[in-house]
Amino acid sequence: MKVAKGQEVLATIAAAAAGLGITDGAITLIGAVHEVRISVMRKNDALTDLIRDYAQPFELTGTGELAGGQIHVHATLAGEDLTVAGHLHAATVRDFFVHAYLSPLEIYPRET
């Protein structure tokens, strides 16, 4: 699927997956975004996220999963004089697009 200008990447994937009835799958992302929210684990407390927001153009690549309808993506973003990586919380397309590939999977045995 294509995430177009003005769309938020994760929300667009979630809506498309729900519309197709997909609850579990593998996600691959490639493209360019502008506004980004990403986190890493704190070095002295791995259970606490260090969340950062960025507002600049970034090349994006990411992989993740849709598990039980919940999206979890890790991404690497490269911008002018800055490269960031971590857990992707949000990313909005401004000037280009993101292609999102969602491969449905069956989880066996299904967890309850």
C-alpha atoms as a PDB file:
ATOM      1  CA  MET A   1       0.000   0.000   0.000  1.00  0.00           C
ATOM      2  CA  LYS A   2       1.082   3.584  -0.501  1.00  0.00           C
ATOM      3  CA  VAL A   3       1.054   6.032   2.383  1.00  0.00           C
ATOM      4  CA  ALA A   4       0.481   9.365   0.649  1.00  0.00           C
ATOM      5  CA  LYS A   5       1.307  12.983   1.433  1.00  0.00           C
ATOM      6  CA  GLY A   6      -0.263  14.148   4.679  1.00  0.00           C
ATOM      7  CA  GLN A   7      -0.897  10.639   6.009  1.00  0.00           C
ATOM      8  CA  GLU A   8       0.498   9.155   9.188  1.00  0.00           C
ATOM      9  CA  VAL A   9       2.235   5.853   8.413  1.00  0.00           C
ATOM     10  CA  LEU A  10       1.134   3.610  11.307  1.00  0.00           C
ATOM     11  CA  ALA A  11      -2.484   4.824  11.314  1.00  0.00           C
ATOM     12  CA  THR A  12      -2.728   4.232   7.562  1.00  0.00           C
ATOM     13  CA  ILE A  13      -1.397   0.688   7.904  1.00  0.00           C
ATOM     14  CA  ALA A  14      -3.732  -0.044  10.832  1.00  0.00           C
ATOM     15  CA  ALA A  15      -6.775   1.190   8.918  1.00  0.00           C
ATOM     16  CA  ALA A  16      -5.870  -0.796   5.803  1.00  0.00           C
ATOM     17  CA  ALA A  17      -5.239  -3.963   7.804  1.00  0.00           C
ATOM     18  CA  ALA A  18      -8.529  -3.609   9.679  1.00  0.00           C
ATOM     19  CA  GLY A  19     -10.392  -3.006   6.426  1.00  0.00           C
ATOM     20  CA  LEU A  20      -8.930  -6.204   5.002  1.00  0.00           C
ATOM     21  CA  GLY A  21      -9.579  -8.199   8.180  1.00  0.00           C
ATOM     22  CA  ILE A  22      -5.849  -8.779   8.767  1.00  0.00           C
ATOM     23  CA  THR A  23      -4.857  -9.089  12.423  1.00  0.00           C
ATOM     24  CA  ASP A  24      -1.430 -10.711  12.116  1.00  0.00           C
ATOM     25  CA  GLY A  25       1.318 -10.057   9.601  1.00  0.00           C
ATOM     26  CA  ALA A  26       4.814  -8.910   8.747  1.00  0.00           C
ATOM     27  CA  ILE A  27       5.396  -5.252   7.850  1.00  0.00           C
ATOM     28  CA  THR A  28       8.124  -3.771   5.659  1.00  0.00           C
ATOM     29  CA  LEU A  29       8.448  -0.015   5.052  1.00  0.00           C
ATOM     30  CA  ILE A  30      10.459   2.098   2.638  1.00  0.00           C
ATOM     31  CA  GLY A  31      10.088   5.753   1.710  1.00  0.00           C
ATOM     32  CA  ALA A  32      10.480   9.253   3.104  1.00  0.00           C
ATOM     33  CA  VAL A  33       8.765  11.052   5.976  1.00  0.00           C
ATOM     34  CA  HIS A  34       9.006  14.385   7.767  1.00  0.00           C
ATOM     35  CA  GLU A  35       7.523  14.445  11.276  1.00  0.00           C
ATOM     36  CA  VAL A  36       8.729  11.457  13.328  1.00  0.00           C
ATOM     37  CA  ARG A  37       8.283  10.158  16.879  1.00  0.00           C
ATOM     38  CA  ILE A  38      10.722   7.379  17.776  1.00  0.00           C
ATOM     39  CA  SER A  39      12.011   5.840  20.999  1.00  0.00           C
ATOM     40  CA  VAL A  40      14.905   3.843  22.353  1.00  0.00           C
ATOM     41  CA  MET A  41      15.446   2.198  25.726  1.00  0.00           C
ATOM     42  CA  ARG A  42      17.231   4.252  28.372  1.00  0.00           C
ATOM     43  CA  LYS A  43      20.719   2.914  29.048  1.00  0.00           C
ATOM     44  CA  ASN A  44      20.125   2.818  32.828  1.00  0.00           C
ATOM     45  CA  ASP A  45      16.509   1.607  32.657  1.00  0.00           C
ATOM     46  CA  ALA A  46      15.611  -0.674  29.752  1.00  0.00           C
ATOM     47  CA  LEU A  47      11.956  -0.652  30.818  1.00  0.00           C
ATOM     48  CA  THR A  48      11.574   3.100  30.225  1.00  0.00           C
ATOM     49  CA  ASP A  49      11.382   4.547  26.713  1.00  0.00           C
ATOM     50  CA  LEU A  50      13.260   7.680  25.737  1.00  0.00           C
ATOM     51  CA  ILE A  51      10.878   9.219  23.196  1.00  0.00           C
ATOM     52  CA  ARG A  52      12.057  11.898  20.790  1.00  0.00           C
ATOM     53  CA  ASP A  53      10.287  13.946  18.128  1.00  0.00           C
ATOM     54  CA  TYR A  54      11.944  15.162  14.935  1.00  0.00           C
ATOM     55  CA  ALA A  55      10.686  17.527  12.243  1.00  0.00           C
ATOM     56  CA  GLN A  56      12.891  17.256   9.188  1.00  0.00           C
ATOM     57  CA  PRO A  57      12.980  15.122   6.045  1.00  0.00           C
ATOM     58  CA  PHE A  58      14.127  11.531   6.616  1.00  0.00           C
ATOM     59  CA  GLU A  59      14.676   8.523   4.391  1.00  0.00           C
ATOM     60  CA  LEU A  60      12.872   5.648   6.110  1.00  0.00           C
ATOM     61  CA  THR A  61      13.282   1.915   6.204  1.00  0.00           C
ATOM     62  CA  GLY A  62      11.508  -0.268   8.738  1.00  0.00           C
ATOM     63  CA  THR A  63      10.341  -3.733   9.629  1.00  0.00           C
ATOM     64  CA  GLY A  64       7.820  -4.934  12.114  1.00  0.00           C
ATOM     65  CA  GLU A  65       4.726  -6.899  12.839  1.00  0.00           C
ATOM     66  CA  LEU A  66       0.997  -6.691  13.166  1.00  0.00           C
ATOM     67  CA  ALA A  67       0.147  -8.992  16.082  1.00  0.00           C
ATOM     68  CA  GLY A  68      -3.405  -9.306  17.333  1.00  0.00           C
ATOM     69  CA  GLY A  69      -4.209  -6.085  15.505  1.00  0.00           C
ATOM     70  CA  GLN A  70      -1.376  -4.143  17.212  1.00  0.00           C
ATOM     71  CA  ILE A  71       1.440  -2.624  15.146  1.00  0.00           C
ATOM     72  CA  HIS A  72       5.058  -2.803  16.313  1.00  0.00           C
ATOM     73  CA  VAL A  73       7.693  -1.350  13.944  1.00  0.00           C
ATOM     74  CA  HIS A  74      11.396  -0.653  14.313  1.00  0.00           C
ATOM     75  CA  ALA A  75      12.816   1.888  11.886  1.00  0.00           C
ATOM     76  CA  THR A  76      16.016   3.472  10.724  1.00  0.00           C
ATOM     77  CA  LEU A  77      15.771   7.080   9.535  1.00  0.00           C
ATOM     78  CA  ALA A  78      18.498   9.061   7.785  1.00  0.00           C
ATOM     79  CA  GLY A  79      18.367  12.834   7.484  1.00  0.00           C
ATOM     80  CA  GLU A  80      20.798  15.672   6.948  1.00  0.00           C
ATOM     81  CA  ASP A  81      23.554  15.249   9.559  1.00  0.00           C
ATOM     82  CA  LEU A  82      21.362  12.899  11.607  1.00  0.00           C
ATOM     83  CA  THR A  83      20.545   9.196  11.675  1.00  0.00           C
ATOM     84  CA  VAL A  84      18.086   7.792  14.217  1.00  0.00           C
ATOM     85  CA  ALA A  85      16.739   4.318  14.856  1.00  0.00           C
ATOM     86  CA  GLY A  86      14.367   2.671  17.279  1.00  0.00           C
ATOM     87  CA  HIS A  87      10.721   1.919  17.945  1.00  0.00           C
ATOM     88  CA  LEU A  88       8.524   3.940  15.591  1.00  0.00           C
ATOM     89  CA  HIS A  89       5.593   5.648  17.326  1.00  0.00           C
ATOM     90  CA  ALA A  90       4.519   7.929  14.470  1.00  0.00           C
ATOM     91  CA  ALA A  91       5.733   9.236  11.125  1.00  0.00           C
ATOM     92  CA  THR A  92       3.981  11.568   8.717  1.00  0.00           C
ATOM     93  CA  VAL A  93       4.601  11.802   4.992  1.00  0.00           C
ATOM     94  CA  ARG A  94       5.019  15.356   3.694  1.00  0.00           C
ATOM     95  CA  ASP A  95       6.772  15.589   0.324  1.00  0.00           C
ATOM     96  CA  PHE A  96       7.100  12.012  -0.911  1.00  0.00           C
ATOM     97  CA  PHE A  97       5.478   8.707   0.080  1.00  0.00           C
ATOM     98  CA  VAL A  98       6.036   5.507   2.000  1.00  0.00           C
ATOM     99  CA  HIS A  99       5.370   2.075   0.556  1.00  0.00           C
ATOM    100  CA  ALA A 100       4.139  -0.306   3.215  1.00  0.00           C
ATOM    101  CA  TYR A 101       4.133  -4.034   2.505  1.00  0.00           C
ATOM    102  CA  LEU A 102       1.875  -6.084   4.762  1.00  0.00           C
ATOM    103  CA  SER A 103       2.174  -9.854   4.490  1.00  0.00           C
ATOM    104  CA  PRO A 104      -0.673 -11.599   6.332  1.00  0.00           C
ATOM    105  CA  LEU A 105       0.346 -14.452   8.624  1.00  0.00           C
ATOM    106  CA  GLU A 106      -1.503 -17.083  10.570  1.00  0.00           C
ATOM    107  CA  ILE A 107      -0.180 -17.487  14.109  1.00  0.00           C
ATOM    108  CA  TYR A 108      -0.192 -21.112  15.328  1.00  0.00           C
ATOM    109  CA  PRO A 109      -1.117 -21.836  17.965  1.00  0.00           C
ATOM    110  CA  ARG A 110      -3.103 -18.654  18.374  1.00  0.00           C
ATOM    111  CA  GLU A 111      -2.455 -17.086  21.769  1.00  0.00           C
ATOM    112  CA  THR A 112      -5.512 -16.268  23.872  1.00  0.00           C
END
